[in-house]
């Protein structure tokens, strides 16, 4: 009388095939998610760069506006900060 311990070869092949199908599908989904995550990270970096550029432009335009007022004899409080922004080596002379 043969003992019925363990799995047959056919059961092991079916289980292996199912594992490969499920594992392959999970791996494909993971790769799609990773690609989407990289795209979003790039967009976030671009957005941050654009915000920084917009802030720098606001500072520069504000300094130009202040320098025009200085030429019209309207000295503003931001003039010295703008002067430091454009001339960092002269910063020590301002204090």
C-alpha atoms as a PDB file:
ATOM      1  CA  UNK A   1       0.000   0.000   0.000  1.00  0.00           C
ATOM      2  CA  UNK A   2       1.456   3.330  -1.035  1.00  0.00           C
ATOM      3  CA  UNK A   3       1.399   6.194   1.370  1.00  0.00           C
ATOM      4  CA  UNK A   4      -0.177   9.484   0.208  1.00  0.00           C
ATOM      5  CA  UNK A   5       2.257  11.924   1.756  1.00  0.00           C
ATOM      6  CA  UNK A   6       3.222  15.168   0.012  1.00  0.00           C
ATOM      7  CA  UNK A   7       2.112  16.687  -3.272  1.00  0.00           C
ATOM      8  CA  UNK A   8       2.130  15.105  -6.692  1.00  0.00           C
ATOM      9  CA  UNK A   9       4.215  16.513  -9.521  1.00  0.00           C
ATOM     10  CA  UNK A  10       1.119  17.829 -11.254  1.00  0.00           C
ATOM     11  CA  UNK A  11       0.011  19.756  -8.149  1.00  0.00           C
ATOM     12  CA  UNK A  12       3.459  21.323  -7.822  1.00  0.00           C
ATOM     13  CA  UNK A  13       3.428  22.381 -11.485  1.00  0.00           C
ATOM     14  CA  UNK A  14      -0.022  23.954 -11.158  1.00  0.00           C
ATOM     15  CA  UNK A  15       1.001  25.777  -7.967  1.00  0.00           C
ATOM     16  CA  UNK A  16       4.219  27.024  -9.611  1.00  0.00           C
ATOM     17  CA  UNK A  17       2.325  28.255 -12.678  1.00  0.00           C
ATOM     18  CA  UNK A  18      -0.173  30.119 -10.498  1.00  0.00           C
ATOM     19  CA  UNK A  19       2.650  31.674  -8.467  1.00  0.00           C
ATOM     20  CA  UNK A  20       4.408  32.836 -11.641  1.00  0.00           C
ATOM     21  CA  UNK A  21       1.219  34.368 -13.073  1.00  0.00           C
ATOM     22  CA  UNK A  22       0.329  36.228  -9.879  1.00  0.00           C
ATOM     23  CA  UNK A  23       3.941  37.294  -9.279  1.00  0.00           C
ATOM     24  CA  UNK A  24       4.305  38.521 -12.872  1.00  0.00           C
ATOM     25  CA  UNK A  25       1.121  40.564 -12.648  1.00  0.00           C
ATOM     26  CA  UNK A  26       2.214  42.098  -9.344  1.00  0.00           C
ATOM     27  CA  UNK A  27       5.636  42.937 -10.779  1.00  0.00           C
ATOM     28  CA  UNK A  28       4.060  44.600 -13.854  1.00  0.00           C
ATOM     29  CA  UNK A  29       1.799  46.712 -11.639  1.00  0.00           C
ATOM     30  CA  UNK A  30       4.760  47.688  -9.472  1.00  0.00           C
ATOM     31  CA  UNK A  31       6.727  48.829 -12.524  1.00  0.00           C
ATOM     32  CA  UNK A  32       3.793  50.961 -13.733  1.00  0.00           C
ATOM     33  CA  UNK A  33       3.472  52.555 -10.311  1.00  0.00           C
ATOM     34  CA  UNK A  34       7.189  53.254 -10.146  1.00  0.00           C
ATOM     35  CA  UNK A  35       7.134  54.960 -13.551  1.00  0.00           C
ATOM     36  CA  UNK A  36       4.132  57.073 -12.539  1.00  0.00           C
ATOM     37  CA  UNK A  37       5.894  58.021  -9.307  1.00  0.00           C
ATOM     38  CA  UNK A  38       8.970  59.204 -11.209  1.00  0.00           C
ATOM     39  CA  UNK A  39       6.816  61.345 -13.505  1.00  0.00           C
ATOM     40  CA  UNK A  40       5.079  62.948 -10.524  1.00  0.00           C
ATOM     41  CA  UNK A  41       8.430  63.598  -8.830  1.00  0.00           C
ATOM     42  CA  UNK A  42       9.646  65.345 -11.976  1.00  0.00           C
ATOM     43  CA  UNK A  43       6.534  67.495 -12.099  1.00  0.00           C
ATOM     44  CA  UNK A  44       6.940  68.445  -8.436  1.00  0.00           C
ATOM     45  CA  UNK A  45      10.569  69.420  -9.057  1.00  0.00           C
ATOM     46  CA  UNK A  46       9.565  71.496 -12.062  1.00  0.00           C
ATOM     47  CA  UNK A  47       6.810  73.207 -10.062  1.00  0.00           C
ATOM     48  CA  UNK A  48       9.276  74.025  -7.284  1.00  0.00           C
ATOM     49  CA  UNK A  49      11.757  75.446  -9.774  1.00  0.00           C
ATOM     50  CA  UNK A  50       9.078  77.603 -11.375  1.00  0.00           C
ATOM     51  CA  UNK A  51       7.976  78.908  -7.980  1.00  0.00           C
ATOM     52  CA  UNK A  52      11.565  79.817  -7.118  1.00  0.00           C
ATOM     53  CA  UNK A  53      12.001  81.555 -10.457  1.00  0.00           C
ATOM     54  CA  UNK A  54       8.771  83.508  -9.951  1.00  0.00           C
ATOM     55  CA  UNK A  55       9.925  84.581  -6.496  1.00  0.00           C
ATOM     56  CA  UNK A  56      13.276  85.726  -7.851  1.00  0.00           C
ATOM     57  CA  UNK A  57      11.520  87.702 -10.587  1.00  0.00           C
ATOM     58  CA  UNK A  58       9.304  89.371  -7.992  1.00  0.00           C
ATOM     59  CA  UNK A  59      12.396  90.350  -6.006  1.00  0.00           C
ATOM     60  CA  UNK A  60      14.151  91.716  -9.090  1.00  0.00           C
ATOM     61  CA  UNK A  61      11.090  93.625 -10.293  1.00  0.00           C
ATOM     62  CA  UNK A  62      10.620  95.023  -6.791  1.00  0.00           C
ATOM     63  CA  UNK A  63      14.232  96.179  -6.718  1.00  0.00           C
ATOM     64  CA  UNK A  64      13.944  97.779 -10.145  1.00  0.00           C
ATOM     65  CA  UNK A  65      10.772  99.516  -9.029  1.00  0.00           C
ATOM     66  CA  UNK A  66      12.565 100.739  -5.889  1.00  0.00           C
ATOM     67  CA  UNK A  67      15.531 102.000  -7.911  1.00  0.00           C
ATOM     68  CA  UNK A  68      13.180 103.975 -10.165  1.00  0.00           C
ATOM     69  CA  UNK A  69      11.633 105.562  -7.084  1.00  0.00           C
ATOM     70  CA  UNK A  70      15.121 106.433  -5.802  1.00  0.00           C
ATOM     71  CA  UNK A  71      15.855 108.253  -9.041  1.00  0.00           C
ATOM     72  CA  UNK A  72      12.632 110.182  -8.517  1.00  0.00           C
ATOM     73  CA  UNK A  73      13.827 111.033  -4.970  1.00  0.00           C
ATOM     74  CA  UNK A  74      11.384 108.657  -3.327  1.00  0.00           C
ATOM     75  CA  UNK A  75      13.684 106.500  -1.198  1.00  0.00           C
ATOM     76  CA  UNK A  76      12.014 103.344   0.046  1.00  0.00           C
ATOM     77  CA  UNK A  77      13.023 101.066   2.885  1.00  0.00           C
ATOM     78  CA  UNK A  78      13.684  98.139   0.547  1.00  0.00           C
ATOM     79  CA  UNK A  79      16.388  99.988  -1.363  1.00  0.00           C
ATOM     80  CA  UNK A  80      19.166  98.783   0.895  1.00  0.00           C
ATOM     81  CA  UNK A  81      18.012  95.157   0.704  1.00  0.00           C
ATOM     82  CA  UNK A  82      17.864  95.370  -3.090  1.00  0.00           C
ATOM     83  CA  UNK A  83      21.281  96.976  -3.143  1.00  0.00           C
ATOM     84  CA  UNK A  84      22.621  94.031  -1.167  1.00  0.00           C
ATOM     85  CA  UNK A  85      20.841  91.635  -3.525  1.00  0.00           C
ATOM     86  CA  UNK A  86      22.536  93.109  -6.588  1.00  0.00           C
ATOM     87  CA  UNK A  87      25.846  94.068  -4.941  1.00  0.00           C
ATOM     88  CA  UNK A  88      26.722  91.524  -2.219  1.00  0.00           C
ATOM     89  CA  UNK A  89      30.353  92.738  -1.982  1.00  0.00           C
ATOM     90  CA  UNK A  90      29.179  96.194  -0.980  1.00  0.00           C
ATOM     91  CA  UNK A  91      27.018  94.781   1.810  1.00  0.00           C
ATOM     92  CA  UNK A  92      29.582  95.692   4.488  1.00  0.00           C
ATOM     93  CA  UNK A  93      29.555  99.355   3.429  1.00  0.00           C
ATOM     94  CA  UNK A  94      25.818  99.591   3.995  1.00  0.00           C
ATOM     95  CA  UNK A  95      26.008  98.779   7.721  1.00  0.00           C
END
